[in-house]
C-alpha atoms as a PDB file:
ATOM      1  CA  MET A   1       0.000   0.000   0.000  1.00  0.00           C
ATOM      2  CA  ASN A   2       1.436   3.358  -0.994  1.00  0.00           C
ATOM      3  CA  GLY A   3       0.295   5.142   2.131  1.00  0.00           C
ATOM      4  CA  VAL A   4      -3.098   6.039   3.451  1.00  0.00           C
ATOM      5  CA  GLN A   5      -4.211   9.553   2.557  1.00  0.00           C
ATOM      6  CA  LEU A   6      -6.936  11.871   3.772  1.00  0.00           C
ATOM      7  CA  SER A   7     -10.075  11.833   1.604  1.00  0.00           C
ATOM      8  CA  SER A   8     -12.537  13.745   3.823  1.00  0.00           C
ATOM      9  CA  PHE A   9     -12.704  15.496   7.172  1.00  0.00           C
ATOM     10  CA  ASN A  10     -15.794  16.662   9.063  1.00  0.00           C
ATOM     11  CA  TYR A  11     -16.467  17.960  12.538  1.00  0.00           C
ATOM     12  CA  ARG A  12     -19.820  17.261  14.213  1.00  0.00           C
ATOM     13  CA  PHE A  13     -21.081  19.875  16.688  1.00  0.00           C
ATOM     14  CA  ASP A  14     -23.829  19.916  19.309  1.00  0.00           C
ATOM     15  CA  THR A  15     -26.269  22.515  17.979  1.00  0.00           C
ATOM     16  CA  ASN A  16     -27.307  23.536  21.510  1.00  0.00           C
ATOM     17  CA  THR A  17     -23.889  24.022  23.084  1.00  0.00           C
ATOM     18  CA  GLY A  18     -21.641  24.521  20.051  1.00  0.00           C
ATOM     19  CA  LYS A  19     -19.273  21.907  21.493  1.00  0.00           C
ATOM     20  CA  CYS A  20     -17.486  19.621  19.026  1.00  0.00           C
ATOM     21  CA  LEU A  21     -18.756  16.067  19.529  1.00  0.00           C
ATOM     22  CA  ASN A  22     -16.389  14.219  17.176  1.00  0.00           C
ATOM     23  CA  ALA A  23     -14.425  14.349  13.956  1.00  0.00           C
ATOM     24  CA  GLN A  24     -15.156  11.967  11.088  1.00  0.00           C
ATOM     25  CA  VAL A  25     -12.029  11.256   9.051  1.00  0.00           C
ATOM     26  CA  GLY A  26     -12.152   9.573   5.644  1.00  0.00           C
ATOM     27  CA  LEU A  27      -9.002   7.710   4.628  1.00  0.00           C
ATOM     28  CA  HIS A  28      -8.027   6.059   1.347  1.00  0.00           C
ATOM     29  CA  GLY A  29      -5.063   3.972   0.324  1.00  0.00           C
ATOM     30  CA  GLN A  30      -4.370   2.148  -2.915  1.00  0.00           C
ATOM     31  CA  ASN A  31      -1.710  -0.218  -4.189  1.00  0.00           C
ATOM     32  CA  THR A  32      -0.703   1.122  -7.606  1.00  0.00           C
ATOM     33  CA  ASP A  33       0.580  -2.312  -8.670  1.00  0.00           C
ATOM     34  CA  SER A  34      -2.811  -3.994  -8.271  1.00  0.00           C
ATOM     35  CA  THR A  35      -6.482  -3.398  -7.604  1.00  0.00           C
ATOM     36  CA  GLU A  36      -6.006  -3.584  -3.819  1.00  0.00           C
ATOM     37  CA  PHE A  37      -7.300  -0.606  -1.865  1.00  0.00           C
ATOM     38  CA  VAL A  38      -8.713   0.450   1.468  1.00  0.00           C
ATOM     39  CA  ASP A  39     -11.384   3.044   2.195  1.00  0.00           C
ATOM     40  CA  ALA A  40     -12.181   3.834   5.798  1.00  0.00           C
ATOM     41  CA  SER A  41     -14.263   6.265   7.778  1.00  0.00           C
ATOM     42  CA  ILE A  42     -12.855   6.690  11.266  1.00  0.00           C
ATOM     43  CA  ARG A  43     -14.634   8.592  14.042  1.00  0.00           C
ATOM     44  CA  ILE A  44     -12.376  10.369  16.530  1.00  0.00           C
ATOM     45  CA  ASN A  45     -14.201  10.938  19.813  1.00  0.00           C
ATOM     46  CA  PRO A  46     -13.128  13.177  22.697  1.00  0.00           C
ATOM     47  CA  GLU A  47     -11.750  10.154  24.567  1.00  0.00           C
ATOM     48  CA  ASP A  48      -9.421   9.457  21.608  1.00  0.00           C
ATOM     49  CA  LEU A  49      -7.695  12.833  22.057  1.00  0.00           C
ATOM     50  CA  PRO A  50      -4.625  13.290  24.251  1.00  0.00           C
ATOM     51  CA  GLU A  51      -5.550  13.930  27.869  1.00  0.00           C
ATOM     52  CA  GLY A  52      -6.640  17.508  28.483  1.00  0.00           C
ATOM     53  CA  LYS A  53      -6.973  18.384  24.772  1.00  0.00           C
ATOM     54  CA  THR A  54     -10.107  19.469  22.916  1.00  0.00           C
ATOM     55  CA  PHE A  55     -10.843  19.320  19.205  1.00  0.00           C
ATOM     56  CA  MET A  56     -10.316  23.062  18.907  1.00  0.00           C
ATOM     57  CA  GLU A  57      -6.818  22.737  20.405  1.00  0.00           C
ATOM     58  CA  MET A  58      -5.801  20.022  17.943  1.00  0.00           C
ATOM     59  CA  THR A  59      -4.705  20.643  14.366  1.00  0.00           C
ATOM     60  CA  MET A  60      -6.460  18.797  11.580  1.00  0.00           C
ATOM     61  CA  ASP A  61      -3.154  17.044  10.799  1.00  0.00           C
ATOM     62  CA  SER A  62      -2.851  15.741  14.363  1.00  0.00           C
ATOM     63  CA  ILE A  63      -6.426  14.418  14.263  1.00  0.00           C
ATOM     64  CA  VAL A  64      -5.660  12.655  10.955  1.00  0.00           C
ATOM     65  CA  VAL A  65      -2.640  11.010  12.607  1.00  0.00           C
ATOM     66  CA  LEU A  66      -4.933   9.790  15.416  1.00  0.00           C
ATOM     67  CA  ALA A  67      -7.366   8.427  12.807  1.00  0.00           C
ATOM     68  CA  LYS A  68      -4.589   6.523  11.009  1.00  0.00           C
ATOM     69  CA  GLN A  69      -3.417   5.062  14.320  1.00  0.00           C
ATOM     70  CA  LYS A  70      -6.987   4.062  15.200  1.00  0.00           C
ATOM     71  CA  LEU A  71      -7.425   2.462  11.757  1.00  0.00           C
ATOM     72  CA  ALA A  72      -4.239   0.433  12.277  1.00  0.00           C
ATOM     73  CA  ARG A  73      -5.394  -0.750  15.725  1.00  0.00           C
ATOM     74  CA  ASP A  74      -8.935  -1.544  14.571  1.00  0.00           C
ATOM     75  CA  THR A  75      -7.793  -3.556  11.541  1.00  0.00           C
ATOM     76  CA  ALA A  76      -4.810  -5.362  13.065  1.00  0.00           C
ATOM     77  CA  VAL A  77      -5.066  -9.115  12.586  1.00  0.00           C
ATOM     78  CA  LYS A  78      -5.487 -10.767  15.969  1.00  0.00           C
ATOM     79  CA  GLU A  79      -3.776 -14.081  16.601  1.00  0.00           C
ATOM     80  CA  GLN A  80      -6.232 -16.948  16.219  1.00  0.00           C
ATOM     81  CA  THR A  81      -6.243 -19.594  18.917  1.00  0.00           C
ATOM     82  CA  THR A  82      -8.444 -22.118  17.071  1.00  0.00           C
ATOM     83  CA  PRO A  83      -9.207 -22.630  13.375  1.00  0.00           C
ATOM     84  CA  GLY A  84     -12.138 -20.551  12.109  1.00  0.00           C
ATOM     85  CA  GLN A  85     -12.132 -18.197  15.088  1.00  0.00           C
ATOM     86  CA  ALA A  86     -12.219 -14.519  14.132  1.00  0.00           C
END
């Protein structure tokens, strides 16, 4: 895979308080040598941010880094203990 790139970025706000609830980050990666690709939509919630930080204190780039890290964790292949177990 030739790297996972940003394809979309959206903040979601509470319309009553104006507080940012989460950021939705779209990521895309494609292998130029084949038809293999990945498309992902990763939600970054307040608990995913570094302790004491808010969305408004974070740059978009730093939130994208968090999304890529979360994608890697969420899609990591877990060791199987028995055949057929996911």
